[in-house]
Amino acid sequence: FPERLRYFSMKEYDDAKLNYESGFSPDIVEFLGRDVRSHPKNVLGENARDRHRQEEALLSKIETGEVLINKAVTVFVDRMRKMIAATEAGQPWPPPARKAQL
């Protein structure tokens, strides 16, 4: 649904003065303090993390999304075809792991 994309400039983002670091439960505060999964900038706090996500979102393009979705669908369909073929042939799915040959 590319028509649903809404682009915000960083100026618009900054003008909104969003604050994602207040009013959280103690559990959420503790999680945000130790979560380093998305980017090293996490040490700067949730507002900095969100600003970084907004900066990265500005790099996205409709064409890139189409390529990613097409690839995901192709991989999924290929796997489903292999699964159907294996089960119709009476073979287990997923196939058992092969032992490395020495």
PDB file of N, CA and C in Angstrom:
ATOM      1  N   PHE A   1       0.833  -1.191   0.000  1.00  0.00           N
ATOM      2  CA  PHE A   1       0.000   0.000   0.000  1.00  0.00           C
ATOM      3  C   PHE A   1       0.877   1.254   0.000  1.00  0.00           C
ATOM      4  N   PRO A   2       1.589   1.487  -1.089  1.00  0.00           N
ATOM      5  CA  PRO A   2       2.486   2.644  -1.117  1.00  0.00           C
ATOM      6  C   PRO A   2       1.765   3.970  -0.905  1.00  0.00           C
ATOM      7  N   GLU A   3       0.480   4.027  -1.227  1.00  0.00           N
ATOM      8  CA  GLU A   3      -0.274   5.271  -1.033  1.00  0.00           C
ATOM      9  C   GLU A   3      -0.449   5.617   0.442  1.00  0.00           C
ATOM     10  N   ARG A   4      -0.162   4.662   1.325  1.00  0.00           N
ATOM     11  CA  ARG A   4      -0.313   4.906   2.757  1.00  0.00           C
ATOM     12  C   ARG A   4       0.962   5.445   3.404  1.00  0.00           C
ATOM     13  N   LEU A   5       2.046   5.486   2.641  1.00  0.00           N
ATOM     14  CA  LEU A   5       3.298   5.993   3.203  1.00  0.00           C
ATOM     15  C   LEU A   5       3.180   7.493   3.461  1.00  0.00           C
ATOM     16  N   ARG A   6       3.673   7.889   4.600  1.00  0.00           N
ATOM     17  CA  ARG A   6       3.706   9.311   4.941  1.00  0.00           C
ATOM     18  C   ARG A   6       5.126   9.653   5.330  1.00  0.00           C
ATOM     19  N   TYR A   7       5.707  10.569   4.622  1.00  0.00           N
ATOM     20  CA  TYR A   7       7.077  10.974   4.912  1.00  0.00           C
ATOM     21  C   TYR A   7       7.064  12.224   5.780  1.00  0.00           C
ATOM     22  N   PHE A   8       7.877  12.180   6.815  1.00  0.00           N
ATOM     23  CA  PHE A   8       8.048  13.331   7.685  1.00  0.00           C
ATOM     24  C   PHE A   8       9.508  13.743   7.605  1.00  0.00           C
ATOM     25  N   SER A   9       9.733  15.019   7.435  1.00  0.00           N
ATOM     26  CA  SER A   9      11.115  15.484   7.438  1.00  0.00           C
ATOM     27  C   SER A   9      11.620  15.460   8.873  1.00  0.00           C
ATOM     28  N   MET A  10      12.930  15.505   9.030  1.00  0.00           N
ATOM     29  CA  MET A  10      13.480  15.545  10.381  1.00  0.00           C
ATOM     30  C   MET A  10      13.087  16.837  11.083  1.00  0.00           C
ATOM     31  N   LYS A  11      12.886  17.906  10.342  1.00  0.00           N
ATOM     32  CA  LYS A  11      12.423  19.156  10.953  1.00  0.00           C
ATOM     33  C   LYS A  11      11.022  18.957  11.538  1.00  0.00           C
ATOM     34  N   GLU A  12      10.125  18.314  10.771  1.00  0.00           N
ATOM     35  CA  GLU A  12       8.783  18.040  11.275  1.00  0.00           C
ATOM     36  C   GLU A  12       8.842  17.131  12.506  1.00  0.00           C
ATOM     37  N   TYR A  13       9.725  16.140  12.450  1.00  0.00           N
ATOM     38  CA  TYR A  13       9.886  15.234  13.583  1.00  0.00           C
ATOM     39  C   TYR A  13      10.346  16.008  14.811  1.00  0.00           C
ATOM     40  N   ASP A  14      11.377  16.836  14.650  1.00  0.00           N
ATOM     41  CA  ASP A  14      11.900  17.611  15.783  1.00  0.00           C
ATOM     42  C   ASP A  14      10.873  18.612  16.300  1.00  0.00           C
ATOM     43  N   ASP A  15      10.108  19.223  15.389  1.00  0.00           N
ATOM     44  CA  ASP A  15       9.088  20.195  15.802  1.00  0.00           C
ATOM     45  C   ASP A  15       7.981  19.551  16.637  1.00  0.00           C
ATOM     46  N   ALA A  16       7.749  18.244  16.447  1.00  0.00           N
ATOM     47  CA  ALA A  16       6.707  17.544  17.215  1.00  0.00           C
ATOM     48  C   ALA A  16       7.095  17.386  18.686  1.00  0.00           C
ATOM     49  N   LYS A  17       8.395  17.489  18.995  1.00  0.00           N
ATOM     50  CA  LYS A  17       8.898  17.388  20.367  1.00  0.00           C
ATOM     51  C   LYS A  17       8.336  16.153  21.095  1.00  0.00           C
ATOM     52  N   LEU A  18       8.451  15.023  20.433  1.00  0.00           N
ATOM     53  CA  LEU A  18       7.980  13.770  21.021  1.00  0.00           C
ATOM     54  C   LEU A  18       8.879  13.358  22.174  1.00  0.00           C
ATOM     55  N   ASN A  19       8.284  12.778  23.204  1.00  0.00           N
ATOM     56  CA  ASN A  19       9.059  12.320  24.346  1.00  0.00           C
ATOM     57  C   ASN A  19       8.654  10.896  24.662  1.00  0.00           C
ATOM     58  N   TYR A  20       9.559   9.975  24.355  1.00  0.00           N
ATOM     59  CA  TYR A  20       9.281   8.565  24.589  1.00  0.00           C
ATOM     60  C   TYR A  20       9.933   8.075  25.870  1.00  0.00           C
ATOM     61  N   GLU A  21      10.400   8.970  26.708  1.00  0.00           N
ATOM     62  CA  GLU A  21      11.116   8.539  27.907  1.00  0.00           C
ATOM     63  C   GLU A  21      10.400   8.923  29.195  1.00  0.00           C
ATOM     64  N   SER A  22       9.105   9.194  29.121  1.00  0.00           N
ATOM     65  CA  SER A  22       8.401   9.549  30.349  1.00  0.00           C
ATOM     66  C   SER A  22       7.117   8.742  30.459  1.00  0.00           C
ATOM     67  N   GLY A  23       6.699   8.515  31.688  1.00  0.00           N
ATOM     68  CA  GLY A  23       5.443   7.836  31.948  1.00  0.00           C
ATOM     69  C   GLY A  23       5.468   6.328  31.764  1.00  0.00           C
ATOM     70  N   PHE A  24       6.654   5.718  31.707  1.00  0.00           N
ATOM     71  CA  PHE A  24       6.743   4.276  31.544  1.00  0.00           C
ATOM     72  C   PHE A  24       6.675   3.573  32.894  1.00  0.00           C
ATOM     73  N   SER A  25       6.220   2.330  32.843  1.00  0.00           N
ATOM     74  CA  SER A  25       6.248   1.506  34.045  1.00  0.00           C
ATOM     75  C   SER A  25       7.706   1.150  34.342  1.00  0.00           C
ATOM     76  N   PRO A  26       8.016   0.777  35.584  1.00  0.00           N
ATOM     77  CA  PRO A  26       9.395   0.407  35.927  1.00  0.00           C
ATOM     78  C   PRO A  26       9.944  -0.734  35.060  1.00  0.00           C
ATOM     79  N   ASP A  27       9.086  -1.687  34.686  1.00  0.00           N
ATOM     80  CA  ASP A  27       9.541  -2.783  33.827  1.00  0.00           C
ATOM     81  C   ASP A  27      10.008  -2.275  32.465  1.00  0.00           C
ATOM     82  N   ILE A  28       9.271  -1.348  31.890  1.00  0.00           N
ATOM     83  CA  ILE A  28       9.641  -0.797  30.579  1.00  0.00           C
ATOM     84  C   ILE A  28      10.927   0.022  30.706  1.00  0.00           C
ATOM     85  N   VAL A  29      11.049   0.800  31.745  1.00  0.00           N
ATOM     86  CA  VAL A  29      12.264   1.590  31.959  1.00  0.00           C
ATOM     87  C   VAL A  29      13.474   0.672  32.057  1.00  0.00           C
ATOM     88  N   GLU A  30      13.319  -0.437  32.791  1.00  0.00           N
ATOM     89  CA  GLU A  30      14.427  -1.388  32.938  1.00  0.00           C
ATOM     90  C   GLU A  30      14.771  -2.018  31.585  1.00  0.00           C
ATOM     91  N   PHE A  31      13.756  -2.390  30.802  1.00  0.00           N
ATOM     92  CA  PHE A  31      13.994  -2.980  29.483  1.00  0.00           C
ATOM     93  C   PHE A  31      14.721  -1.995  28.570  1.00  0.00           C
ATOM     94  N   LEU A  32      14.256  -0.774  28.531  1.00  0.00           N
ATOM     95  CA  LEU A  32      14.881   0.218  27.655  1.00  0.00           C
ATOM     96  C   LEU A  32      16.322   0.487  28.069  1.00  0.00           C
ATOM     97  N   GLY A  33      16.609   0.348  29.348  1.00  0.00           N
ATOM     98  CA  GLY A  33      17.963   0.576  29.820  1.00  0.00           C
ATOM     99  C   GLY A  33      18.937  -0.510  29.416  1.00  0.00           C
ATOM    100  N   ARG A  34      18.448  -1.720  29.131  1.00  0.00           N
ATOM    101  CA  ARG A  34      19.357  -2.811  28.784  1.00  0.00           C
ATOM    102  C   ARG A  34      19.226  -3.269  27.340  1.00  0.00           C
ATOM    103  N   ASP A  35      18.280  -2.743  26.575  1.00  0.00           N
ATOM    104  CA  ASP A  35      18.060  -3.186  25.199  1.00  0.00           C
ATOM    105  C   ASP A  35      19.092  -2.553  24.279  1.00  0.00           C
ATOM    106  N   VAL A  36      19.945  -3.387  23.708  1.00  0.00           N
ATOM    107  CA  VAL A  36      20.964  -2.878  22.781  1.00  0.00           C
ATOM    108  C   VAL A  36      20.856  -3.605  21.439  1.00  0.00           C
ATOM    109  N   ARG A  37      19.681  -4.131  21.131  1.00  0.00           N
ATOM    110  CA  ARG A  37      19.519  -4.934  19.929  1.00  0.00           C
ATOM    111  C   ARG A  37      19.516  -4.122  18.647  1.00  0.00           C
ATOM    112  N   SER A  38      18.910  -2.957  18.639  1.00  0.00           N
ATOM    113  CA  SER A  38      18.696  -2.311  17.353  1.00  0.00           C
ATOM    114  C   SER A  38      19.871  -1.464  16.863  1.00  0.00           C
ATOM    115  N   HIS A  39      20.570  -0.795  17.756  1.00  0.00           N
ATOM    116  CA  HIS A  39      21.647   0.071  17.282  1.00  0.00           C
ATOM    117  C   HIS A  39      22.488   0.536  18.464  1.00  0.00           C
ATOM    118  N   PRO A  40      23.781   0.711  18.251  1.00  0.00           N
ATOM    119  CA  PRO A  40      24.626   1.189  19.359  1.00  0.00           C
ATOM    120  C   PRO A  40      24.177   2.534  19.925  1.00  0.00           C
ATOM    121  N   LYS A  41      23.436   3.310  19.160  1.00  0.00           N
ATOM    122  CA  LYS A  41      22.967   4.604  19.666  1.00  0.00           C
ATOM    123  C   LYS A  41      21.982   4.435  20.813  1.00  0.00           C
ATOM    124  N   ASN A  42      21.568   3.189  21.093  1.00  0.00           N
ATOM    125  CA  ASN A  42      20.615   2.933  22.171  1.00  0.00           C
ATOM    126  C   ASN A  42      21.076   3.494  23.509  1.00  0.00           C
ATOM    127  N   VAL A  43      22.374   3.590  23.719  1.00  0.00           N
ATOM    128  CA  VAL A  43      22.859   4.096  24.997  1.00  0.00           C
ATOM    129  C   VAL A  43      22.412   5.533  25.222  1.00  0.00           C
ATOM    130  N   LEU A  44      21.942   6.203  24.181  1.00  0.00           N
ATOM    131  CA  LEU A  44      21.504   7.585  24.319  1.00  0.00           C
ATOM    132  C   LEU A  44      20.071   7.709  24.814  1.00  0.00           C
ATOM    133  N   GLY A  45      19.340   6.598  24.938  1.00  0.00           N
ATOM    134  CA  GLY A  45      17.976   6.647  25.432  1.00  0.00           C
ATOM    135  C   GLY A  45      16.957   6.435  24.331  1.00  0.00           C
ATOM    136  N   GLU A  46      15.700   6.271  24.747  1.00  0.00           N
ATOM    137  CA  GLU A  46      14.636   5.941  23.793  1.00  0.00           C
ATOM    138  C   GLU A  46      14.374   7.065  22.802  1.00  0.00           C
ATOM    139  N   ASN A  47      14.462   8.320  23.206  1.00  0.00           N
ATOM    140  CA  ASN A  47      14.246   9.410  22.255  1.00  0.00           C
ATOM    141  C   ASN A  47      15.284   9.373  21.142  1.00  0.00           C
ATOM    142  N   ALA A  48      16.524   9.107  21.490  1.00  0.00           N
ATOM    143  CA  ALA A  48      17.572   9.016  20.471  1.00  0.00           C
ATOM    144  C   ALA A  48      17.348   7.809  19.572  1.00  0.00           C
ATOM    145  N   ARG A  49      16.899   6.696  20.144  1.00  0.00           N
ATOM    146  CA  ARG A  49      16.600   5.507  19.337  1.00  0.00           C
ATOM    147  C   ARG A  49      15.492   5.822  18.339  1.00  0.00           C
ATOM    148  N   ASP A  50      14.428   6.475  18.809  1.00  0.00           N
ATOM    149  CA  ASP A  50      13.314   6.783  17.928  1.00  0.00           C
ATOM    150  C   ASP A  50      13.750   7.749  16.831  1.00  0.00           C
ATOM    151  N   ARG A  51      14.572   8.738  17.180  1.00  0.00           N
ATOM    152  CA  ARG A  51      15.053   9.686  16.176  1.00  0.00           C
ATOM    153  C   ARG A  51      15.882   8.948  15.131  1.00  0.00           C
ATOM    154  N   HIS A  52      16.695   7.997  15.558  1.00  0.00           N
ATOM    155  CA  HIS A  52      17.500   7.216  14.618  1.00  0.00           C
ATOM    156  C   HIS A  52      16.595   6.399  13.697  1.00  0.00           C
ATOM    157  N   ARG A  53      15.542   5.803  14.255  1.00  0.00           N
ATOM    158  CA  ARG A  53      14.604   5.042  13.413  1.00  0.00           C
ATOM    159  C   ARG A  53      13.949   5.959  12.385  1.00  0.00           C
ATOM    160  N   GLN A  54      13.608   7.169  12.775  1.00  0.00           N
ATOM    161  CA  GLN A  54      12.999   8.124  11.844  1.00  0.00           C
ATOM    162  C   GLN A  54      13.993   8.482  10.737  1.00  0.00           C
ATOM    163  N   GLU A  55      15.252   8.693  11.100  1.00  0.00           N
ATOM    164  CA  GLU A  55      16.269   8.995  10.081  1.00  0.00           C
ATOM    165  C   GLU A  55      16.384   7.847   9.089  1.00  0.00           C
ATOM    166  N   GLU A  56      16.401   6.608   9.587  1.00  0.00           N
ATOM    167  CA  GLU A  56      16.499   5.451   8.703  1.00  0.00           C
ATOM    168  C   GLU A  56      15.250   5.294   7.844  1.00  0.00           C
ATOM    169  N   ALA A  57      14.086   5.607   8.391  1.00  0.00           N
ATOM    170  CA  ALA A  57      12.843   5.493   7.623  1.00  0.00           C
ATOM    171  C   ALA A  57      12.851   6.427   6.424  1.00  0.00           C
ATOM    172  N   LEU A  58      13.526   7.563   6.548  1.00  0.00           N
ATOM    173  CA  LEU A  58      13.592   8.508   5.427  1.00  0.00           C
ATOM    174  C   LEU A  58      14.379   7.931   4.252  1.00  0.00           C
ATOM    175  N   LEU A  59      15.173   6.890   4.489  1.00  0.00           N
ATOM    176  CA  LEU A  59      15.944   6.251   3.421  1.00  0.00           C
ATOM    177  C   LEU A  59      15.107   5.245   2.635  1.00  0.00           C
ATOM    178  N   SER A  60      13.934   4.890   3.146  1.00  0.00           N
ATOM    179  CA  SER A  60      13.125   3.863   2.493  1.00  0.00           C
ATOM    180  C   SER A  60      12.489   4.407   1.216  1.00  0.00           C
ATOM    181  N   LYS A  61      12.236   3.489   0.301  1.00  0.00           N
ATOM    182  CA  LYS A  61      11.614   3.837  -0.963  1.00  0.00           C
ATOM    183  C   LYS A  61      10.581   2.757  -1.307  1.00  0.00           C
ATOM    184  N   ILE A  62       9.556   3.135  -2.018  1.00  0.00           N
ATOM    185  CA  ILE A  62       8.512   2.203  -2.415  1.00  0.00           C
ATOM    186  C   ILE A  62       9.114   1.054  -3.218  1.00  0.00           C
ATOM    187  N   GLU A  63      10.027   1.378  -4.127  1.00  0.00           N
ATOM    188  CA  GLU A  63      10.633   0.348  -4.974  1.00  0.00           C
ATOM    189  C   GLU A  63      11.387  -0.695  -4.139  1.00  0.00           C
ATOM    190  N   THR A  64      12.083  -0.241  -3.104  1.00  0.00           N
ATOM    191  CA  THR A  64      12.815  -1.166  -2.237  1.00  0.00           C
ATOM    192  C   THR A  64      11.846  -2.098  -1.524  1.00  0.00           C
ATOM    193  N   GLY A  65      10.745  -1.567  -1.042  1.00  0.00           N
ATOM    194  CA  GLY A  65       9.734  -2.389  -0.387  1.00  0.00           C
ATOM    195  C   GLY A  65       9.163  -3.435  -1.329  1.00  0.00           C
ATOM    196  N   GLU A  66       8.923  -3.043  -2.578  1.00  0.00           N
ATOM    197  CA  GLU A  66       8.403  -3.997  -3.561  1.00  0.00           C
ATOM    198  C   GLU A  66       9.392  -5.138  -3.791  1.00  0.00           C
ATOM    199  N   VAL A  67      10.681  -4.813  -3.905  1.00  0.00           N
ATOM    200  CA  VAL A  67      11.701  -5.843  -4.114  1.00  0.00           C
ATOM    201  C   VAL A  67      11.741  -6.792  -2.924  1.00  0.00           C
ATOM    202  N   LEU A  68      11.720  -6.248  -1.705  1.00  0.00           N
ATOM    203  CA  LEU A  68      11.769  -7.089  -0.509  1.00  0.00           C
ATOM    204  C   LEU A  68      10.548  -7.986  -0.393  1.00  0.00           C
ATOM    205  N   ILE A  69       9.374  -7.443  -0.669  1.00  0.00           N
ATOM    206  CA  ILE A  69       8.157  -8.247  -0.588  1.00  0.00           C
ATOM    207  C   ILE A  69       8.172  -9.339  -1.653  1.00  0.00           C
ATOM    208  N   ASN A  70       8.581  -8.993  -2.873  1.00  0.00           N
ATOM    209  CA  ASN A  70       8.648 -10.003  -3.937  1.00  0.00           C
ATOM    210  C   ASN A  70       9.606 -11.123  -3.581  1.00  0.00           C
ATOM    211  N   LYS A  71      10.748 -10.791  -3.013  1.00  0.00           N
ATOM    212  CA  LYS A  71      11.721 -11.807  -2.609  1.00  0.00           C
ATOM    213  C   LYS A  71      11.141 -12.699  -1.513  1.00  0.00           C
ATOM    214  N   ALA A  72      10.503 -12.098  -0.531  1.00  0.00           N
ATOM    215  CA  ALA A  72       9.916 -12.878   0.563  1.00  0.00           C
ATOM    216  C   ALA A  72       8.837 -13.827   0.036  1.00  0.00           C
ATOM    217  N   VAL A  73       7.996 -13.357  -0.869  1.00  0.00           N
ATOM    218  CA  VAL A  73       6.946 -14.203  -1.432  1.00  0.00           C
ATOM    219  C   VAL A  73       7.555 -15.343  -2.238  1.00  0.00           C
ATOM    220  N   THR A  74       8.592 -15.045  -3.028  1.00  0.00           N
ATOM    221  CA  THR A  74       9.251 -16.075  -3.826  1.00  0.00           C
ATOM    222  C   THR A  74       9.843 -17.167  -2.942  1.00  0.00           C
ATOM    223  N   VAL A  75      10.534 -16.779  -1.888  1.00  0.00           N
ATOM    224  CA  VAL A  75      11.138 -17.752  -0.971  1.00  0.00           C
ATOM    225  C   VAL A  75      10.046 -18.589  -0.305  1.00  0.00           C
ATOM    226  N   PHE A  76       8.966 -17.945   0.130  1.00  0.00           N
ATOM    227  CA  PHE A  76       7.869 -18.652   0.787  1.00  0.00           C
ATOM    228  C   PHE A  76       7.216 -19.655  -0.165  1.00  0.00           C
ATOM    229  N   VAL A  77       6.909 -19.222  -1.377  1.00  0.00           N
ATOM    230  CA  VAL A  77       6.264 -20.099  -2.354  1.00  0.00           C
ATOM    231  C   VAL A  77       7.173 -21.280  -2.690  1.00  0.00           C
ATOM    232  N   ASP A  78       8.469 -21.028  -2.871  1.00  0.00           N
ATOM    233  CA  ASP A  78       9.408 -22.102  -3.167  1.00  0.00           C
ATOM    234  C   ASP A  78       9.429 -23.140  -2.043  1.00  0.00           C
ATOM    235  N   ARG A  79       9.451 -22.669  -0.822  1.00  0.00           N
ATOM    236  CA  ARG A  79       9.463 -23.578   0.324  1.00  0.00           C
ATOM    237  C   ARG A  79       8.154 -24.371   0.411  1.00  0.00           C
ATOM    238  N   MET A  80       7.040 -23.728   0.163  1.00  0.00           N
ATOM    239  CA  MET A  80       5.747 -24.420   0.189  1.00  0.00           C
ATOM    240  C   MET A  80       5.695 -25.494  -0.894  1.00  0.00           C
ATOM    241  N   ARG A  81       6.194 -25.195  -2.081  1.00  0.00           N
ATOM    242  CA  ARG A  81       6.203 -26.186  -3.165  1.00  0.00           C
ATOM    243  C   ARG A  81       7.048 -27.398  -2.783  1.00  0.00           C
ATOM    244  N   LYS A  82       8.205 -27.141  -2.180  1.00  0.00           N
ATOM    245  CA  LYS A  82       9.067 -28.246  -1.743  1.00  0.00           C
ATOM    246  C   LYS A  82       8.382 -29.070  -0.659  1.00  0.00           C
ATOM    247  N   MET A  83       7.692 -28.413   0.258  1.00  0.00           N
ATOM    248  CA  MET A  83       7.002 -29.119   1.326  1.00  0.00           C
ATOM    249  C   MET A  83       5.886 -29.985   0.749  1.00  0.00           C
ATOM    250  N   ILE A  84       5.103 -29.437  -0.164  1.00  0.00           N
ATOM    251  CA  ILE A  84       4.004 -30.189  -0.764  1.00  0.00           C
ATOM    252  C   ILE A  84       4.551 -31.389  -1.531  1.00  0.00           C
ATOM    253  N   ALA A  85       5.614 -31.156  -2.318  1.00  0.00           N
ATOM    254  CA  ALA A  85       6.204 -32.257  -3.092  1.00  0.00           C
ATOM    255  C   ALA A  85       6.729 -33.355  -2.166  1.00  0.00           C
ATOM    256  N   ALA A  86       7.373 -32.969  -1.080  1.00  0.00           N
ATOM    257  CA  ALA A  86       7.919 -33.962  -0.152  1.00  0.00           C
ATOM    258  C   ALA A  86       6.806 -34.751   0.519  1.00  0.00           C
ATOM    259  N   THR A  87       5.779 -34.084   0.993  1.00  0.00           N
ATOM    260  CA  THR A  87       4.710 -34.794   1.697  1.00  0.00           C
ATOM    261  C   THR A  87       3.918 -35.676   0.745  1.00  0.00           C
ATOM    262  N   GLU A  88       3.723 -35.224  -0.503  1.00  0.00           N
ATOM    263  CA  GLU A  88       3.020 -36.067  -1.478  1.00  0.00           C
ATOM    264  C   GLU A  88       3.839 -37.305  -1.847  1.00  0.00           C
ATOM    265  N   ALA A  89       5.171 -37.193  -1.747  1.00  0.00           N
ATOM    266  CA  ALA A  89       6.047 -38.333  -2.035  1.00  0.00           C
ATOM    267  C   ALA A  89       6.267 -39.192  -0.789  1.00  0.00           C
ATOM    268  N   GLY A  90       5.618 -38.843   0.313  1.00  0.00           N
ATOM    269  CA  GLY A  90       5.749 -39.613   1.542  1.00  0.00           C
ATOM    270  C   GLY A  90       7.050 -39.367   2.288  1.00  0.00           C
ATOM    271  N   GLN A  91       7.713 -38.265   1.997  1.00  0.00           N
ATOM    272  CA  GLN A  91       8.966 -37.938   2.671  1.00  0.00           C
ATOM    273  C   GLN A  91       8.688 -36.979   3.828  1.00  0.00           C
ATOM    274  N   PRO A  92       9.562 -37.004   4.837  1.00  0.00           N
ATOM    275  CA  PRO A  92       9.350 -36.091   5.977  1.00  0.00           C
ATOM    276  C   PRO A  92       9.641 -34.642   5.582  1.00  0.00           C
ATOM    277  N   TRP A  93       8.966 -33.756   6.266  1.00  0.00           N
ATOM    278  CA  TRP A  93       9.252 -32.330   6.085  1.00  0.00           C
ATOM    279  C   TRP A  93       9.345 -31.693   7.449  1.00  0.00           C
ATOM    280  N   PRO A  94      10.320 -30.893   7.730  1.00  0.00           N
ATOM    281  CA  PRO A  94      11.453 -30.601   6.860  1.00  0.00           C
ATOM    282  C   PRO A  94      12.349 -31.826   6.719  1.00  0.00           C
ATOM    283  N   PRO A  95      13.140 -31.848   5.629  1.00  0.00           N
ATOM    284  CA  PRO A  95      14.007 -32.994   5.438  1.00  0.00           C
ATOM    285  C   PRO A  95      15.016 -33.114   6.586  1.00  0.00           C
ATOM    286  N   PRO A  96      15.357 -34.342   6.960  1.00  0.00           N
ATOM    287  CA  PRO A  96      16.343 -34.494   8.046  1.00  0.00           C
ATOM    288  C   PRO A  96      17.669 -33.873   7.653  1.00  0.00           C
ATOM    289  N   ALA A  97      18.355 -33.331   8.628  1.00  0.00           N
ATOM    290  CA  ALA A  97      19.655 -32.686   8.361  1.00  0.00           C
ATOM    291  C   ALA A  97      20.649 -33.748   7.887  1.00  0.00           C
ATOM    292  N   ARG A  98      21.419 -33.404   6.900  1.00  0.00           N
ATOM    293  CA  ARG A  98      22.433 -34.321   6.390  1.00  0.00           C
ATOM    294  C   ARG A  98      23.708 -34.185   7.204  1.00  0.00           C
ATOM    295  N   LYS A  99      24.354 -35.295   7.433  1.00  0.00           N
ATOM    296  CA  LYS A  99      25.608 -35.267   8.162  1.00  0.00           C
ATOM    297  C   LYS A  99      26.714 -34.801   7.219  1.00  0.00           C
ATOM    298  N   ALA A 100      27.593 -34.005   7.735  1.00  0.00           N
ATOM    299  CA  ALA A 100      28.712 -33.514   6.929  1.00  0.00           C
ATOM    300  C   ALA A 100      29.589 -34.681   6.519  1.00  0.00           C
ATOM    301  N   GLN A 101      29.965 -34.673   5.260  1.00  0.00           N
ATOM    302  CA  GLN A 101      30.830 -35.751   4.763  1.00  0.00           C
ATOM    303  C   GLN A 101      32.275 -35.415   5.096  1.00  0.00           C
ATOM    304  N   LEU A 102      33.002 -36.421   5.563  1.00  0.00           N
ATOM    305  CA  LEU A 102      34.401 -36.206   5.920  1.00  0.00           C
ATOM    306  C   LEU A 102      35.302 -36.538   4.769  1.00  0.00           C
TER     307      LEU A 102
END
